[in-house]
Amino acid sequence: LRRRLKDELGWETLVPDHASSYPLV
């Protein structure tokens, strides 16, 4: 699904690892 969202909608996508954190800017 990550690849399809990127290819079909042009979105920046990623699959997070368990316990990973990301900033919300």
PDBML (XML) file of the C-alpha atoms, coordinates in Angstrom:
<?xml version="1.0" encoding="UTF-8" ?>
<PDBx:datablock datablockName="MODEL"
   xmlns:PDBx="http://pdbml.pdb.org/schema/pdbx-v50.xsd"
   xmlns:xsi="http://www.w3.org/2001/XMLSchema-instance"
   xsi:schemaLocation="http://pdbml.pdb.org/schema/pdbx-v50.xsd pdbx-v50.xsd">
   <PDBx:atom_siteCategory>
      <PDBx:atom_site id="1">
         <PDBx:B_iso_or_equiv>0.00</PDBx:B_iso_or_equiv>
         <PDBx:Cartn_x>0.000</PDBx:Cartn_x>
         <PDBx:Cartn_y>0.000</PDBx:Cartn_y>
         <PDBx:Cartn_z>0.000</PDBx:Cartn_z>
         <PDBx:auth_asym_id>A</PDBx:auth_asym_id>
         <PDBx:auth_atom_id>CA</PDBx:auth_atom_id>
         <PDBx:auth_comp_id>LEU</PDBx:auth_comp_id>
         <PDBx:auth_seq_id>1</PDBx:auth_seq_id>
         <PDBx:group_PDB>ATOM</PDBx:group_PDB>
         <PDBx:label_alt_id xsi:nil="true" />
         <PDBx:label_asym_id>A</PDBx:label_asym_id>
         <PDBx:label_atom_id>CA</PDBx:label_atom_id>
         <PDBx:label_comp_id>LEU</PDBx:label_comp_id>
         <PDBx:label_entity_id>1</PDBx:label_entity_id>
         <PDBx:label_seq_id>1</PDBx:label_seq_id>
         <PDBx:occupancy>1.00</PDBx:occupancy>
         <PDBx:pdbx_PDB_model_num>1</PDBx:pdbx_PDB_model_num>
         <PDBx:type_symbol>C</PDBx:type_symbol>
      </PDBx:atom_site>
      <PDBx:atom_site id="2">
         <PDBx:B_iso_or_equiv>0.00</PDBx:B_iso_or_equiv>
         <PDBx:Cartn_x>2.912</PDBx:Cartn_x>
         <PDBx:Cartn_y>2.357</PDBx:Cartn_y>
         <PDBx:Cartn_z>0.692</PDBx:Cartn_z>
         <PDBx:auth_asym_id>A</PDBx:auth_asym_id>
         <PDBx:auth_atom_id>CA</PDBx:auth_atom_id>
         <PDBx:auth_comp_id>ARG</PDBx:auth_comp_id>
         <PDBx:auth_seq_id>2</PDBx:auth_seq_id>
         <PDBx:group_PDB>ATOM</PDBx:group_PDB>
         <PDBx:label_alt_id xsi:nil="true" />
         <PDBx:label_asym_id>A</PDBx:label_asym_id>
         <PDBx:label_atom_id>CA</PDBx:label_atom_id>
         <PDBx:label_comp_id>ARG</PDBx:label_comp_id>
         <PDBx:label_entity_id>1</PDBx:label_entity_id>
         <PDBx:label_seq_id>2</PDBx:label_seq_id>
         <PDBx:occupancy>1.00</PDBx:occupancy>
         <PDBx:pdbx_PDB_model_num>1</PDBx:pdbx_PDB_model_num>
         <PDBx:type_symbol>C</PDBx:type_symbol>
      </PDBx:atom_site>
      <PDBx:atom_site id="3">
         <PDBx:B_iso_or_equiv>0.00</PDBx:B_iso_or_equiv>
         <PDBx:Cartn_x>4.116</PDBx:Cartn_x>
         <PDBx:Cartn_y>1.894</PDBx:Cartn_y>
         <PDBx:Cartn_z>-2.895</PDBx:Cartn_z>
         <PDBx:auth_asym_id>A</PDBx:auth_asym_id>
         <PDBx:auth_atom_id>CA</PDBx:auth_atom_id>
         <PDBx:auth_comp_id>ARG</PDBx:auth_comp_id>
         <PDBx:auth_seq_id>3</PDBx:auth_seq_id>
         <PDBx:group_PDB>ATOM</PDBx:group_PDB>
         <PDBx:label_alt_id xsi:nil="true" />
         <PDBx:label_asym_id>A</PDBx:label_asym_id>
         <PDBx:label_atom_id>CA</PDBx:label_atom_id>
         <PDBx:label_comp_id>ARG</PDBx:label_comp_id>
         <PDBx:label_entity_id>1</PDBx:label_entity_id>
         <PDBx:label_seq_id>3</PDBx:label_seq_id>
         <PDBx:occupancy>1.00</PDBx:occupancy>
         <PDBx:pdbx_PDB_model_num>1</PDBx:pdbx_PDB_model_num>
         <PDBx:type_symbol>C</PDBx:type_symbol>
      </PDBx:atom_site>
      <PDBx:atom_site id="4">
         <PDBx:B_iso_or_equiv>0.00</PDBx:B_iso_or_equiv>
         <PDBx:Cartn_x>0.657</PDBx:Cartn_x>
         <PDBx:Cartn_y>2.360</PDBx:Cartn_y>
         <PDBx:Cartn_z>-4.376</PDBx:Cartn_z>
         <PDBx:auth_asym_id>A</PDBx:auth_asym_id>
         <PDBx:auth_atom_id>CA</PDBx:auth_atom_id>
         <PDBx:auth_comp_id>ARG</PDBx:auth_comp_id>
         <PDBx:auth_seq_id>4</PDBx:auth_seq_id>
         <PDBx:group_PDB>ATOM</PDBx:group_PDB>
         <PDBx:label_alt_id xsi:nil="true" />
         <PDBx:label_asym_id>A</PDBx:label_asym_id>
         <PDBx:label_atom_id>CA</PDBx:label_atom_id>
         <PDBx:label_comp_id>ARG</PDBx:label_comp_id>
         <PDBx:label_entity_id>1</PDBx:label_entity_id>
         <PDBx:label_seq_id>4</PDBx:label_seq_id>
         <PDBx:occupancy>1.00</PDBx:occupancy>
         <PDBx:pdbx_PDB_model_num>1</PDBx:pdbx_PDB_model_num>
         <PDBx:type_symbol>C</PDBx:type_symbol>
      </PDBx:atom_site>
      <PDBx:atom_site id="5">
         <PDBx:B_iso_or_equiv>0.00</PDBx:B_iso_or_equiv>
         <PDBx:Cartn_x>0.023</PDBx:Cartn_x>
         <PDBx:Cartn_y>5.563</PDBx:Cartn_y>
         <PDBx:Cartn_z>-2.423</PDBx:Cartn_z>
         <PDBx:auth_asym_id>A</PDBx:auth_asym_id>
         <PDBx:auth_atom_id>CA</PDBx:auth_atom_id>
         <PDBx:auth_comp_id>LEU</PDBx:auth_comp_id>
         <PDBx:auth_seq_id>5</PDBx:auth_seq_id>
         <PDBx:group_PDB>ATOM</PDBx:group_PDB>
         <PDBx:label_alt_id xsi:nil="true" />
         <PDBx:label_asym_id>A</PDBx:label_asym_id>
         <PDBx:label_atom_id>CA</PDBx:label_atom_id>
         <PDBx:label_comp_id>LEU</PDBx:label_comp_id>
         <PDBx:label_entity_id>1</PDBx:label_entity_id>
         <PDBx:label_seq_id>5</PDBx:label_seq_id>
         <PDBx:occupancy>1.00</PDBx:occupancy>
         <PDBx:pdbx_PDB_model_num>1</PDBx:pdbx_PDB_model_num>
         <PDBx:type_symbol>C</PDBx:type_symbol>
      </PDBx:atom_site>
      <PDBx:atom_site id="6">
         <PDBx:B_iso_or_equiv>0.00</PDBx:B_iso_or_equiv>
         <PDBx:Cartn_x>3.337</PDBx:Cartn_x>
         <PDBx:Cartn_y>6.890</PDBx:Cartn_y>
         <PDBx:Cartn_z>-3.661</PDBx:Cartn_z>
         <PDBx:auth_asym_id>A</PDBx:auth_asym_id>
         <PDBx:auth_atom_id>CA</PDBx:auth_atom_id>
         <PDBx:auth_comp_id>LYS</PDBx:auth_comp_id>
         <PDBx:auth_seq_id>6</PDBx:auth_seq_id>
         <PDBx:group_PDB>ATOM</PDBx:group_PDB>
         <PDBx:label_alt_id xsi:nil="true" />
         <PDBx:label_asym_id>A</PDBx:label_asym_id>
         <PDBx:label_atom_id>CA</PDBx:label_atom_id>
         <PDBx:label_comp_id>LYS</PDBx:label_comp_id>
         <PDBx:label_entity_id>1</PDBx:label_entity_id>
         <PDBx:label_seq_id>6</PDBx:label_seq_id>
         <PDBx:occupancy>1.00</PDBx:occupancy>
         <PDBx:pdbx_PDB_model_num>1</PDBx:pdbx_PDB_model_num>
         <PDBx:type_symbol>C</PDBx:type_symbol>
      </PDBx:atom_site>
      <PDBx:atom_site id="7">
         <PDBx:B_iso_or_equiv>0.00</PDBx:B_iso_or_equiv>
         <PDBx:Cartn_x>2.861</PDBx:Cartn_x>
         <PDBx:Cartn_y>5.795</PDBx:Cartn_y>
         <PDBx:Cartn_z>-7.279</PDBx:Cartn_z>
         <PDBx:auth_asym_id>A</PDBx:auth_asym_id>
         <PDBx:auth_atom_id>CA</PDBx:auth_atom_id>
         <PDBx:auth_comp_id>ASP</PDBx:auth_comp_id>
         <PDBx:auth_seq_id>7</PDBx:auth_seq_id>
         <PDBx:group_PDB>ATOM</PDBx:group_PDB>
         <PDBx:label_alt_id xsi:nil="true" />
         <PDBx:label_asym_id>A</PDBx:label_asym_id>
         <PDBx:label_atom_id>CA</PDBx:label_atom_id>
         <PDBx:label_comp_id>ASP</PDBx:label_comp_id>
         <PDBx:label_entity_id>1</PDBx:label_entity_id>
         <PDBx:label_seq_id>7</PDBx:label_seq_id>
         <PDBx:occupancy>1.00</PDBx:occupancy>
         <PDBx:pdbx_PDB_model_num>1</PDBx:pdbx_PDB_model_num>
         <PDBx:type_symbol>C</PDBx:type_symbol>
      </PDBx:atom_site>
      <PDBx:atom_site id="8">
         <PDBx:B_iso_or_equiv>0.00</PDBx:B_iso_or_equiv>
         <PDBx:Cartn_x>-0.851</PDBx:Cartn_x>
         <PDBx:Cartn_y>6.551</PDBx:Cartn_y>
         <PDBx:Cartn_z>-7.710</PDBx:Cartn_z>
         <PDBx:auth_asym_id>A</PDBx:auth_asym_id>
         <PDBx:auth_atom_id>CA</PDBx:auth_atom_id>
         <PDBx:auth_comp_id>GLU</PDBx:auth_comp_id>
         <PDBx:auth_seq_id>8</PDBx:auth_seq_id>
         <PDBx:group_PDB>ATOM</PDBx:group_PDB>
         <PDBx:label_alt_id xsi:nil="true" />
         <PDBx:label_asym_id>A</PDBx:label_asym_id>
         <PDBx:label_atom_id>CA</PDBx:label_atom_id>
         <PDBx:label_comp_id>GLU</PDBx:label_comp_id>
         <PDBx:label_entity_id>1</PDBx:label_entity_id>
         <PDBx:label_seq_id>8</PDBx:label_seq_id>
         <PDBx:occupancy>1.00</PDBx:occupancy>
         <PDBx:pdbx_PDB_model_num>1</PDBx:pdbx_PDB_model_num>
         <PDBx:type_symbol>C</PDBx:type_symbol>
      </PDBx:atom_site>
      <PDBx:atom_site id="9">
         <PDBx:B_iso_or_equiv>0.00</PDBx:B_iso_or_equiv>
         <PDBx:Cartn_x>-1.284</PDBx:Cartn_x>
         <PDBx:Cartn_y>9.620</PDBx:Cartn_y>
         <PDBx:Cartn_z>-5.479</PDBx:Cartn_z>
         <PDBx:auth_asym_id>A</PDBx:auth_asym_id>
         <PDBx:auth_atom_id>CA</PDBx:auth_atom_id>
         <PDBx:auth_comp_id>LEU</PDBx:auth_comp_id>
         <PDBx:auth_seq_id>9</PDBx:auth_seq_id>
         <PDBx:group_PDB>ATOM</PDBx:group_PDB>
         <PDBx:label_alt_id xsi:nil="true" />
         <PDBx:label_asym_id>A</PDBx:label_asym_id>
         <PDBx:label_atom_id>CA</PDBx:label_atom_id>
         <PDBx:label_comp_id>LEU</PDBx:label_comp_id>
         <PDBx:label_entity_id>1</PDBx:label_entity_id>
         <PDBx:label_seq_id>9</PDBx:label_seq_id>
         <PDBx:occupancy>1.00</PDBx:occupancy>
         <PDBx:pdbx_PDB_model_num>1</PDBx:pdbx_PDB_model_num>
         <PDBx:type_symbol>C</PDBx:type_symbol>
      </PDBx:atom_site>
      <PDBx:atom_site id="10">
         <PDBx:B_iso_or_equiv>0.00</PDBx:B_iso_or_equiv>
         <PDBx:Cartn_x>2.288</PDBx:Cartn_x>
         <PDBx:Cartn_y>10.929</PDBx:Cartn_y>
         <PDBx:Cartn_z>-5.403</PDBx:Cartn_z>
         <PDBx:auth_asym_id>A</PDBx:auth_asym_id>
         <PDBx:auth_atom_id>CA</PDBx:auth_atom_id>
         <PDBx:auth_comp_id>GLY</PDBx:auth_comp_id>
         <PDBx:auth_seq_id>10</PDBx:auth_seq_id>
         <PDBx:group_PDB>ATOM</PDBx:group_PDB>
         <PDBx:label_alt_id xsi:nil="true" />
         <PDBx:label_asym_id>A</PDBx:label_asym_id>
         <PDBx:label_atom_id>CA</PDBx:label_atom_id>
         <PDBx:label_comp_id>GLY</PDBx:label_comp_id>
         <PDBx:label_entity_id>1</PDBx:label_entity_id>
         <PDBx:label_seq_id>10</PDBx:label_seq_id>
         <PDBx:occupancy>1.00</PDBx:occupancy>
         <PDBx:pdbx_PDB_model_num>1</PDBx:pdbx_PDB_model_num>
         <PDBx:type_symbol>C</PDBx:type_symbol>
      </PDBx:atom_site>
      <PDBx:atom_site id="11">
         <PDBx:B_iso_or_equiv>0.00</PDBx:B_iso_or_equiv>
         <PDBx:Cartn_x>2.387</PDBx:Cartn_x>
         <PDBx:Cartn_y>10.946</PDBx:Cartn_y>
         <PDBx:Cartn_z>-1.608</PDBx:Cartn_z>
         <PDBx:auth_asym_id>A</PDBx:auth_asym_id>
         <PDBx:auth_atom_id>CA</PDBx:auth_atom_id>
         <PDBx:auth_comp_id>TRP</PDBx:auth_comp_id>
         <PDBx:auth_seq_id>11</PDBx:auth_seq_id>
         <PDBx:group_PDB>ATOM</PDBx:group_PDB>
         <PDBx:label_alt_id xsi:nil="true" />
         <PDBx:label_asym_id>A</PDBx:label_asym_id>
         <PDBx:label_atom_id>CA</PDBx:label_atom_id>
         <PDBx:label_comp_id>TRP</PDBx:label_comp_id>
         <PDBx:label_entity_id>1</PDBx:label_entity_id>
         <PDBx:label_seq_id>11</PDBx:label_seq_id>
         <PDBx:occupancy>1.00</PDBx:occupancy>
         <PDBx:pdbx_PDB_model_num>1</PDBx:pdbx_PDB_model_num>
         <PDBx:type_symbol>C</PDBx:type_symbol>
      </PDBx:atom_site>
      <PDBx:atom_site id="12">
         <PDBx:B_iso_or_equiv>0.00</PDBx:B_iso_or_equiv>
         <PDBx:Cartn_x>5.369</PDBx:Cartn_x>
         <PDBx:Cartn_y>10.779</PDBx:Cartn_y>
         <PDBx:Cartn_z>0.712</PDBx:Cartn_z>
         <PDBx:auth_asym_id>A</PDBx:auth_asym_id>
         <PDBx:auth_atom_id>CA</PDBx:auth_atom_id>
         <PDBx:auth_comp_id>GLU</PDBx:auth_comp_id>
         <PDBx:auth_seq_id>12</PDBx:auth_seq_id>
         <PDBx:group_PDB>ATOM</PDBx:group_PDB>
         <PDBx:label_alt_id xsi:nil="true" />
         <PDBx:label_asym_id>A</PDBx:label_asym_id>
         <PDBx:label_atom_id>CA</PDBx:label_atom_id>
         <PDBx:label_comp_id>GLU</PDBx:label_comp_id>
         <PDBx:label_entity_id>1</PDBx:label_entity_id>
         <PDBx:label_seq_id>12</PDBx:label_seq_id>
         <PDBx:occupancy>1.00</PDBx:occupancy>
         <PDBx:pdbx_PDB_model_num>1</PDBx:pdbx_PDB_model_num>
         <PDBx:type_symbol>C</PDBx:type_symbol>
      </PDBx:atom_site>
      <PDBx:atom_site id="13">
         <PDBx:B_iso_or_equiv>0.00</PDBx:B_iso_or_equiv>
         <PDBx:Cartn_x>4.764</PDBx:Cartn_x>
         <PDBx:Cartn_y>7.508</PDBx:Cartn_y>
         <PDBx:Cartn_z>2.520</PDBx:Cartn_z>
         <PDBx:auth_asym_id>A</PDBx:auth_asym_id>
         <PDBx:auth_atom_id>CA</PDBx:auth_atom_id>
         <PDBx:auth_comp_id>THR</PDBx:auth_comp_id>
         <PDBx:auth_seq_id>13</PDBx:auth_seq_id>
         <PDBx:group_PDB>ATOM</PDBx:group_PDB>
         <PDBx:label_alt_id xsi:nil="true" />
         <PDBx:label_asym_id>A</PDBx:label_asym_id>
         <PDBx:label_atom_id>CA</PDBx:label_atom_id>
         <PDBx:label_comp_id>THR</PDBx:label_comp_id>
         <PDBx:label_entity_id>1</PDBx:label_entity_id>
         <PDBx:label_seq_id>13</PDBx:label_seq_id>
         <PDBx:occupancy>1.00</PDBx:occupancy>
         <PDBx:pdbx_PDB_model_num>1</PDBx:pdbx_PDB_model_num>
         <PDBx:type_symbol>C</PDBx:type_symbol>
      </PDBx:atom_site>
      <PDBx:atom_site id="14">
         <PDBx:B_iso_or_equiv>0.00</PDBx:B_iso_or_equiv>
         <PDBx:Cartn_x>6.545</PDBx:Cartn_x>
         <PDBx:Cartn_y>5.211</PDBx:Cartn_y>
         <PDBx:Cartn_z>4.940</PDBx:Cartn_z>
         <PDBx:auth_asym_id>A</PDBx:auth_asym_id>
         <PDBx:auth_atom_id>CA</PDBx:auth_atom_id>
         <PDBx:auth_comp_id>LEU</PDBx:auth_comp_id>
         <PDBx:auth_seq_id>14</PDBx:auth_seq_id>
         <PDBx:group_PDB>ATOM</PDBx:group_PDB>
         <PDBx:label_alt_id xsi:nil="true" />
         <PDBx:label_asym_id>A</PDBx:label_asym_id>
         <PDBx:label_atom_id>CA</PDBx:label_atom_id>
         <PDBx:label_comp_id>LEU</PDBx:label_comp_id>
         <PDBx:label_entity_id>1</PDBx:label_entity_id>
         <PDBx:label_seq_id>14</PDBx:label_seq_id>
         <PDBx:occupancy>1.00</PDBx:occupancy>
         <PDBx:pdbx_PDB_model_num>1</PDBx:pdbx_PDB_model_num>
         <PDBx:type_symbol>C</PDBx:type_symbol>
      </PDBx:atom_site>
      <PDBx:atom_site id="15">
         <PDBx:B_iso_or_equiv>0.00</PDBx:B_iso_or_equiv>
         <PDBx:Cartn_x>5.917</PDBx:Cartn_x>
         <PDBx:Cartn_y>2.062</PDBx:Cartn_y>
         <PDBx:Cartn_z>6.978</PDBx:Cartn_z>
         <PDBx:auth_asym_id>A</PDBx:auth_asym_id>
         <PDBx:auth_atom_id>CA</PDBx:auth_atom_id>
         <PDBx:auth_comp_id>VAL</PDBx:auth_comp_id>
         <PDBx:auth_seq_id>15</PDBx:auth_seq_id>
         <PDBx:group_PDB>ATOM</PDBx:group_PDB>
         <PDBx:label_alt_id xsi:nil="true" />
         <PDBx:label_asym_id>A</PDBx:label_asym_id>
         <PDBx:label_atom_id>CA</PDBx:label_atom_id>
         <PDBx:label_comp_id>VAL</PDBx:label_comp_id>
         <PDBx:label_entity_id>1</PDBx:label_entity_id>
         <PDBx:label_seq_id>15</PDBx:label_seq_id>
         <PDBx:occupancy>1.00</PDBx:occupancy>
         <PDBx:pdbx_PDB_model_num>1</PDBx:pdbx_PDB_model_num>
         <PDBx:type_symbol>C</PDBx:type_symbol>
      </PDBx:atom_site>
      <PDBx:atom_site id="16">
         <PDBx:B_iso_or_equiv>0.00</PDBx:B_iso_or_equiv>
         <PDBx:Cartn_x>6.996</PDBx:Cartn_x>
         <PDBx:Cartn_y>2.755</PDBx:Cartn_y>
         <PDBx:Cartn_z>10.580</PDBx:Cartn_z>
         <PDBx:auth_asym_id>A</PDBx:auth_asym_id>
         <PDBx:auth_atom_id>CA</PDBx:auth_atom_id>
         <PDBx:auth_comp_id>PRO</PDBx:auth_comp_id>
         <PDBx:auth_seq_id>16</PDBx:auth_seq_id>
         <PDBx:group_PDB>ATOM</PDBx:group_PDB>
         <PDBx:label_alt_id xsi:nil="true" />
         <PDBx:label_asym_id>A</PDBx:label_asym_id>
         <PDBx:label_atom_id>CA</PDBx:label_atom_id>
         <PDBx:label_comp_id>PRO</PDBx:label_comp_id>
         <PDBx:label_entity_id>1</PDBx:label_entity_id>
         <PDBx:label_seq_id>16</PDBx:label_seq_id>
         <PDBx:occupancy>1.00</PDBx:occupancy>
         <PDBx:pdbx_PDB_model_num>1</PDBx:pdbx_PDB_model_num>
         <PDBx:type_symbol>C</PDBx:type_symbol>
      </PDBx:atom_site>
      <PDBx:atom_site id="17">
         <PDBx:B_iso_or_equiv>0.00</PDBx:B_iso_or_equiv>
         <PDBx:Cartn_x>8.848</PDBx:Cartn_x>
         <PDBx:Cartn_y>0.253</PDBx:Cartn_y>
         <PDBx:Cartn_z>12.740</PDBx:Cartn_z>
         <PDBx:auth_asym_id>A</PDBx:auth_asym_id>
         <PDBx:auth_atom_id>CA</PDBx:auth_atom_id>
         <PDBx:auth_comp_id>ASP</PDBx:auth_comp_id>
         <PDBx:auth_seq_id>17</PDBx:auth_seq_id>
         <PDBx:group_PDB>ATOM</PDBx:group_PDB>
         <PDBx:label_alt_id xsi:nil="true" />
         <PDBx:label_asym_id>A</PDBx:label_asym_id>
         <PDBx:label_atom_id>CA</PDBx:label_atom_id>
         <PDBx:label_comp_id>ASP</PDBx:label_comp_id>
         <PDBx:label_entity_id>1</PDBx:label_entity_id>
         <PDBx:label_seq_id>17</PDBx:label_seq_id>
         <PDBx:occupancy>1.00</PDBx:occupancy>
         <PDBx:pdbx_PDB_model_num>1</PDBx:pdbx_PDB_model_num>
         <PDBx:type_symbol>C</PDBx:type_symbol>
      </PDBx:atom_site>
      <PDBx:atom_site id="18">
         <PDBx:B_iso_or_equiv>0.00</PDBx:B_iso_or_equiv>
         <PDBx:Cartn_x>7.480</PDBx:Cartn_x>
         <PDBx:Cartn_y>-0.787</PDBx:Cartn_y>
         <PDBx:Cartn_z>16.104</PDBx:Cartn_z>
         <PDBx:auth_asym_id>A</PDBx:auth_asym_id>
         <PDBx:auth_atom_id>CA</PDBx:auth_atom_id>
         <PDBx:auth_comp_id>HIS</PDBx:auth_comp_id>
         <PDBx:auth_seq_id>18</PDBx:auth_seq_id>
         <PDBx:group_PDB>ATOM</PDBx:group_PDB>
         <PDBx:label_alt_id xsi:nil="true" />
         <PDBx:label_asym_id>A</PDBx:label_asym_id>
         <PDBx:label_atom_id>CA</PDBx:label_atom_id>
         <PDBx:label_comp_id>HIS</PDBx:label_comp_id>
         <PDBx:label_entity_id>1</PDBx:label_entity_id>
         <PDBx:label_seq_id>18</PDBx:label_seq_id>
         <PDBx:occupancy>1.00</PDBx:occupancy>
         <PDBx:pdbx_PDB_model_num>1</PDBx:pdbx_PDB_model_num>
         <PDBx:type_symbol>C</PDBx:type_symbol>
      </PDBx:atom_site>
      <PDBx:atom_site id="19">
         <PDBx:B_iso_or_equiv>0.00</PDBx:B_iso_or_equiv>
         <PDBx:Cartn_x>8.256</PDBx:Cartn_x>
         <PDBx:Cartn_y>1.806</PDBx:Cartn_y>
         <PDBx:Cartn_z>18.815</PDBx:Cartn_z>
         <PDBx:auth_asym_id>A</PDBx:auth_asym_id>
         <PDBx:auth_atom_id>CA</PDBx:auth_atom_id>
         <PDBx:auth_comp_id>ALA</PDBx:auth_comp_id>
         <PDBx:auth_seq_id>19</PDBx:auth_seq_id>
         <PDBx:group_PDB>ATOM</PDBx:group_PDB>
         <PDBx:label_alt_id xsi:nil="true" />
         <PDBx:label_asym_id>A</PDBx:label_asym_id>
         <PDBx:label_atom_id>CA</PDBx:label_atom_id>
         <PDBx:label_comp_id>ALA</PDBx:label_comp_id>
         <PDBx:label_entity_id>1</PDBx:label_entity_id>
         <PDBx:label_seq_id>19</PDBx:label_seq_id>
         <PDBx:occupancy>1.00</PDBx:occupancy>
         <PDBx:pdbx_PDB_model_num>1</PDBx:pdbx_PDB_model_num>
         <PDBx:type_symbol>C</PDBx:type_symbol>
      </PDBx:atom_site>
      <PDBx:atom_site id="20">
         <PDBx:B_iso_or_equiv>0.00</PDBx:B_iso_or_equiv>
         <PDBx:Cartn_x>9.571</PDBx:Cartn_x>
         <PDBx:Cartn_y>4.310</PDBx:Cartn_y>
         <PDBx:Cartn_z>16.242</PDBx:Cartn_z>
         <PDBx:auth_asym_id>A</PDBx:auth_asym_id>
         <PDBx:auth_atom_id>CA</PDBx:auth_atom_id>
         <PDBx:auth_comp_id>SER</PDBx:auth_comp_id>
         <PDBx:auth_seq_id>20</PDBx:auth_seq_id>
         <PDBx:group_PDB>ATOM</PDBx:group_PDB>
         <PDBx:label_alt_id xsi:nil="true" />
         <PDBx:label_asym_id>A</PDBx:label_asym_id>
         <PDBx:label_atom_id>CA</PDBx:label_atom_id>
         <PDBx:label_comp_id>SER</PDBx:label_comp_id>
         <PDBx:label_entity_id>1</PDBx:label_entity_id>
         <PDBx:label_seq_id>20</PDBx:label_seq_id>
         <PDBx:occupancy>1.00</PDBx:occupancy>
         <PDBx:pdbx_PDB_model_num>1</PDBx:pdbx_PDB_model_num>
         <PDBx:type_symbol>C</PDBx:type_symbol>
      </PDBx:atom_site>
      <PDBx:atom_site id="21">
         <PDBx:B_iso_or_equiv>0.00</PDBx:B_iso_or_equiv>
         <PDBx:Cartn_x>8.869</PDBx:Cartn_x>
         <PDBx:Cartn_y>8.039</PDBx:Cartn_y>
         <PDBx:Cartn_z>16.710</PDBx:Cartn_z>
         <PDBx:auth_asym_id>A</PDBx:auth_asym_id>
         <PDBx:auth_atom_id>CA</PDBx:auth_atom_id>
         <PDBx:auth_comp_id>SER</PDBx:auth_comp_id>
         <PDBx:auth_seq_id>21</PDBx:auth_seq_id>
         <PDBx:group_PDB>ATOM</PDBx:group_PDB>
         <PDBx:label_alt_id xsi:nil="true" />
         <PDBx:label_asym_id>A</PDBx:label_asym_id>
         <PDBx:label_atom_id>CA</PDBx:label_atom_id>
         <PDBx:label_comp_id>SER</PDBx:label_comp_id>
         <PDBx:label_entity_id>1</PDBx:label_entity_id>
         <PDBx:label_seq_id>21</PDBx:label_seq_id>
         <PDBx:occupancy>1.00</PDBx:occupancy>
         <PDBx:pdbx_PDB_model_num>1</PDBx:pdbx_PDB_model_num>
         <PDBx:type_symbol>C</PDBx:type_symbol>
      </PDBx:atom_site>
      <PDBx:atom_site id="22">
         <PDBx:B_iso_or_equiv>0.00</PDBx:B_iso_or_equiv>
         <PDBx:Cartn_x>8.489</PDBx:Cartn_x>
         <PDBx:Cartn_y>10.850</PDBx:Cartn_y>
         <PDBx:Cartn_z>14.190</PDBx:Cartn_z>
         <PDBx:auth_asym_id>A</PDBx:auth_asym_id>
         <PDBx:auth_atom_id>CA</PDBx:auth_atom_id>
         <PDBx:auth_comp_id>TYR</PDBx:auth_comp_id>
         <PDBx:auth_seq_id>22</PDBx:auth_seq_id>
         <PDBx:group_PDB>ATOM</PDBx:group_PDB>
         <PDBx:label_alt_id xsi:nil="true" />
         <PDBx:label_asym_id>A</PDBx:label_asym_id>
         <PDBx:label_atom_id>CA</PDBx:label_atom_id>
         <PDBx:label_comp_id>TYR</PDBx:label_comp_id>
         <PDBx:label_entity_id>1</PDBx:label_entity_id>
         <PDBx:label_seq_id>22</PDBx:label_seq_id>
         <PDBx:occupancy>1.00</PDBx:occupancy>
         <PDBx:pdbx_PDB_model_num>1</PDBx:pdbx_PDB_model_num>
         <PDBx:type_symbol>C</PDBx:type_symbol>
      </PDBx:atom_site>
      <PDBx:atom_site id="23">
         <PDBx:B_iso_or_equiv>0.00</PDBx:B_iso_or_equiv>
         <PDBx:Cartn_x>8.260</PDBx:Cartn_x>
         <PDBx:Cartn_y>14.633</PDBx:Cartn_y>
         <PDBx:Cartn_z>14.601</PDBx:Cartn_z>
         <PDBx:auth_asym_id>A</PDBx:auth_asym_id>
         <PDBx:auth_atom_id>CA</PDBx:auth_atom_id>
         <PDBx:auth_comp_id>PRO</PDBx:auth_comp_id>
         <PDBx:auth_seq_id>23</PDBx:auth_seq_id>
         <PDBx:group_PDB>ATOM</PDBx:group_PDB>
         <PDBx:label_alt_id xsi:nil="true" />
         <PDBx:label_asym_id>A</PDBx:label_asym_id>
         <PDBx:label_atom_id>CA</PDBx:label_atom_id>
         <PDBx:label_comp_id>PRO</PDBx:label_comp_id>
         <PDBx:label_entity_id>1</PDBx:label_entity_id>
         <PDBx:label_seq_id>23</PDBx:label_seq_id>
         <PDBx:occupancy>1.00</PDBx:occupancy>
         <PDBx:pdbx_PDB_model_num>1</PDBx:pdbx_PDB_model_num>
         <PDBx:type_symbol>C</PDBx:type_symbol>
      </PDBx:atom_site>
      <PDBx:atom_site id="24">
         <PDBx:B_iso_or_equiv>0.00</PDBx:B_iso_or_equiv>
         <PDBx:Cartn_x>5.020</PDBx:Cartn_x>
         <PDBx:Cartn_y>16.349</PDBx:Cartn_y>
         <PDBx:Cartn_z>13.620</PDBx:Cartn_z>
         <PDBx:auth_asym_id>A</PDBx:auth_asym_id>
         <PDBx:auth_atom_id>CA</PDBx:auth_atom_id>
         <PDBx:auth_comp_id>LEU</PDBx:auth_comp_id>
         <PDBx:auth_seq_id>24</PDBx:auth_seq_id>
         <PDBx:group_PDB>ATOM</PDBx:group_PDB>
         <PDBx:label_alt_id xsi:nil="true" />
         <PDBx:label_asym_id>A</PDBx:label_asym_id>
         <PDBx:label_atom_id>CA</PDBx:label_atom_id>
         <PDBx:label_comp_id>LEU</PDBx:label_comp_id>
         <PDBx:label_entity_id>1</PDBx:label_entity_id>
         <PDBx:label_seq_id>24</PDBx:label_seq_id>
         <PDBx:occupancy>1.00</PDBx:occupancy>
         <PDBx:pdbx_PDB_model_num>1</PDBx:pdbx_PDB_model_num>
         <PDBx:type_symbol>C</PDBx:type_symbol>
      </PDBx:atom_site>
      <PDBx:atom_site id="25">
         <PDBx:B_iso_or_equiv>0.00</PDBx:B_iso_or_equiv>
         <PDBx:Cartn_x>6.148</PDBx:Cartn_x>
         <PDBx:Cartn_y>19.710</PDBx:Cartn_y>
         <PDBx:Cartn_z>12.339</PDBx:Cartn_z>
         <PDBx:auth_asym_id>A</PDBx:auth_asym_id>
         <PDBx:auth_atom_id>CA</PDBx:auth_atom_id>
         <PDBx:auth_comp_id>VAL</PDBx:auth_comp_id>
         <PDBx:auth_seq_id>25</PDBx:auth_seq_id>
         <PDBx:group_PDB>ATOM</PDBx:group_PDB>
         <PDBx:label_alt_id xsi:nil="true" />
         <PDBx:label_asym_id>A</PDBx:label_asym_id>
         <PDBx:label_atom_id>CA</PDBx:label_atom_id>
         <PDBx:label_comp_id>VAL</PDBx:label_comp_id>
         <PDBx:label_entity_id>1</PDBx:label_entity_id>
         <PDBx:label_seq_id>25</PDBx:label_seq_id>
         <PDBx:occupancy>1.00</PDBx:occupancy>
         <PDBx:pdbx_PDB_model_num>1</PDBx:pdbx_PDB_model_num>
         <PDBx:type_symbol>C</PDBx:type_symbol>
      </PDBx:atom_site>
   </PDBx:atom_siteCategory>
</PDBx:datablock>
